[in-house]
Amino acid sequence: MSEKFLPLAAMEKLLKQGGAERVSDKAKMALKNAIEEIANGIAVKSIKLAVHAGRKTIKSEDIKLAVKE
């Protein structure tokens, strides 16, 4: 994923909130890629759920159901 959806600074902040004292650039990038991959999967499932329900609008319920699957 070459697009910048999530900033690396946010990844560092998440890791430091989790207890890390120092965070490498590779660790920030690995977390960013993992989160974006998971988020993309949730988005795709949410879209399918909304379409199945006959809607074009994605609702919070679609997201919640997609996460449970």
C-alpha atoms as a PDB file:
ATOM      1  CA  MET A   1       0.000   0.000   0.000  1.00  0.00           C
ATOM      2  CA  SER A   2       1.753   3.095  -1.170  1.00  0.00           C
ATOM      3  CA  GLU A   3      -1.000   5.563  -0.327  1.00  0.00           C
ATOM      4  CA  LYS A   4      -0.769   7.448   2.957  1.00  0.00           C
ATOM      5  CA  PHE A   5      -3.928   6.634   4.866  1.00  0.00           C
ATOM      6  CA  LEU A   6      -2.433   6.460   8.346  1.00  0.00           C
ATOM      7  CA  PRO A   7       0.482   8.637   9.423  1.00  0.00           C
ATOM      8  CA  LEU A   8       3.575   6.959  10.850  1.00  0.00           C
ATOM      9  CA  ALA A   9       3.482   9.352  13.809  1.00  0.00           C
ATOM     10  CA  ALA A  10       0.165   7.824  14.831  1.00  0.00           C
ATOM     11  CA  MET A  11       1.731   4.346  14.705  1.00  0.00           C
ATOM     12  CA  GLU A  12       4.544   5.501  16.976  1.00  0.00           C
ATOM     13  CA  LYS A  13       2.029   7.005  19.385  1.00  0.00           C
ATOM     14  CA  LEU A  14       0.055   3.749  19.513  1.00  0.00           C
ATOM     15  CA  LEU A  15       3.171   1.707  20.206  1.00  0.00           C
ATOM     16  CA  LYS A  16       4.372   4.108  22.886  1.00  0.00           C
ATOM     17  CA  GLN A  17       0.949   4.065  24.546  1.00  0.00           C
ATOM     18  CA  GLY A  18       1.353   0.299  24.620  1.00  0.00           C
ATOM     19  CA  GLY A  19       4.559   0.674  26.599  1.00  0.00           C
ATOM     20  CA  ALA A  20       7.347   0.899  24.021  1.00  0.00           C
ATOM     21  CA  GLU A  21      10.172   3.263  24.914  1.00  0.00           C
ATOM     22  CA  ARG A  22      11.576   3.489  21.412  1.00  0.00           C
ATOM     23  CA  VAL A  23      10.084   2.549  18.048  1.00  0.00           C
ATOM     24  CA  SER A  24      11.965   1.850  14.815  1.00  0.00           C
ATOM     25  CA  ASP A  25      10.775   3.141  11.468  1.00  0.00           C
ATOM     26  CA  LYS A  26      10.353  -0.450  10.265  1.00  0.00           C
ATOM     27  CA  ALA A  27       8.107  -1.223  13.245  1.00  0.00           C
ATOM     28  CA  LYS A  28       5.965   1.837  12.512  1.00  0.00           C
ATOM     29  CA  MET A  29       5.643   0.790   8.877  1.00  0.00           C
ATOM     30  CA  ALA A  30       4.822  -2.822   9.778  1.00  0.00           C
ATOM     31  CA  LEU A  31       2.045  -1.706  12.149  1.00  0.00           C
ATOM     32  CA  LYS A  32       0.721   0.759   9.558  1.00  0.00           C
ATOM     33  CA  ASN A  33       0.561  -1.963   6.881  1.00  0.00           C
ATOM     34  CA  ALA A  34      -1.104  -4.445   9.240  1.00  0.00           C
ATOM     35  CA  ILE A  35      -3.754  -1.961  10.382  1.00  0.00           C
ATOM     36  CA  GLU A  36      -4.485  -0.808   6.832  1.00  0.00           C
ATOM     37  CA  GLU A  37      -4.840  -4.423   5.651  1.00  0.00           C
ATOM     38  CA  ILE A  38      -7.270  -5.229   8.470  1.00  0.00           C
ATOM     39  CA  ALA A  39      -9.210  -1.999   7.867  1.00  0.00           C
ATOM     40  CA  ASN A  40      -9.459  -2.750   4.159  1.00  0.00           C
ATOM     41  CA  GLY A  41     -10.917  -6.181   4.901  1.00  0.00           C
ATOM     42  CA  ILE A  42     -13.475  -4.672   7.267  1.00  0.00           C
ATOM     43  CA  ALA A  43     -14.411  -2.059   4.661  1.00  0.00           C
ATOM     44  CA  VAL A  44     -14.964  -4.675   1.953  1.00  0.00           C
ATOM     45  CA  LYS A  45     -17.146  -6.806   4.260  1.00  0.00           C
ATOM     46  CA  SER A  46     -19.104  -3.709   5.351  1.00  0.00           C
ATOM     47  CA  ILE A  47     -19.816  -2.753   1.761  1.00  0.00           C
ATOM     48  CA  LYS A  48     -21.057  -6.273   0.981  1.00  0.00           C
ATOM     49  CA  LEU A  49     -23.346  -6.183   4.017  1.00  0.00           C
ATOM     50  CA  ALA A  50     -24.825  -2.819   3.024  1.00  0.00           C
ATOM     51  CA  VAL A  51     -25.373  -3.926  -0.575  1.00  0.00           C
ATOM     52  CA  HIS A  52     -26.978  -7.150   0.641  1.00  0.00           C
ATOM     53  CA  ALA A  53     -29.356  -5.028   2.755  1.00  0.00           C
ATOM     54  CA  GLY A  54     -30.224  -2.984  -0.352  1.00  0.00           C
ATOM     55  CA  ARG A  55     -28.396   0.145   0.757  1.00  0.00           C
ATOM     56  CA  LYS A  56     -25.662   2.291  -0.738  1.00  0.00           C
ATOM     57  CA  THR A  57     -24.849   3.875   2.618  1.00  0.00           C
ATOM     58  CA  ILE A  58     -22.496   2.071   4.983  1.00  0.00           C
ATOM     59  CA  LYS A  59     -23.794   2.236   8.534  1.00  0.00           C
ATOM     60  CA  SER A  60     -22.072   1.612  11.839  1.00  0.00           C
ATOM     61  CA  GLU A  61     -23.996  -1.653  12.135  1.00  0.00           C
ATOM     62  CA  ASP A  62     -22.323  -2.869   8.939  1.00  0.00           C
ATOM     63  CA  ILE A  63     -18.905  -2.134  10.416  1.00  0.00           C
ATOM     64  CA  LYS A  64     -19.780  -3.881  13.687  1.00  0.00           C
ATOM     65  CA  LEU A  65     -21.050  -6.961  11.860  1.00  0.00           C
ATOM     66  CA  ALA A  66     -17.993  -7.043   9.602  1.00  0.00           C
ATOM     67  CA  VAL A  67     -15.682  -6.968  12.614  1.00  0.00           C
ATOM     68  CA  LYS A  68     -17.537  -9.890  14.239  1.00  0.00           C
ATOM     69  CA  GLU A  69     -17.093 -12.125  11.189  1.00  0.00           C
END
